[in-house]
Amino acid sequence: MSTIHLTKTTTATPEQLVAGITDFGPGREKLFSASADDQLKVHRLDATSADVTEGGGGVWERLEYDWSDPNRIVMKTVDSNLWGGRSGHTYTISRTADGRTVLDAVVIREGKNFKGKVVGLLLGSIAKGQLDKALTNTVRAIEARS
């Protein structure tokens, strides 16, 4: 199991981050490179939660999103071709004194099969930079939308 911790500081407000992260409409792949629009399926969506299957490049997961706390988005993996156990993401959002916003991301990857275990190990070590770059791109895309 790999636990990856990433932090980004942005000019986007907490509300803009939540709105971007929880936008499951067309164009999601512009915010999240690992979420291809043609593979996105929204099973349920309400004001502060969603059940969504997303992925790309041969990797998919069904996530239960909860953003009932305006400063935290929790995404629990409920099914995936690679991830099981305690896999998921938690984004904690906080304002800074200078008006910027800090996005603290914790990603847990527990492989449920051989491929998942290998990919999880890589993400927790040498491929962590790819996750960091992807989160940077997500934050920049949300800033550009605002």
Foldseek 3Di string as FASTA:
>chain_A
DAKFKAKDKFLDALVLLVCLVPDQDPPNCQLFVFFDNVQWDWPDDDDFWTWIWGGDPPWIFTWIWGCVPSQKIWTATPDIPFADDRFTKMWGWDADPVNMIMTMMITDQDTPDDVSVVVSVCCRPVCVVVVNVRNVSNRVVSVVVD
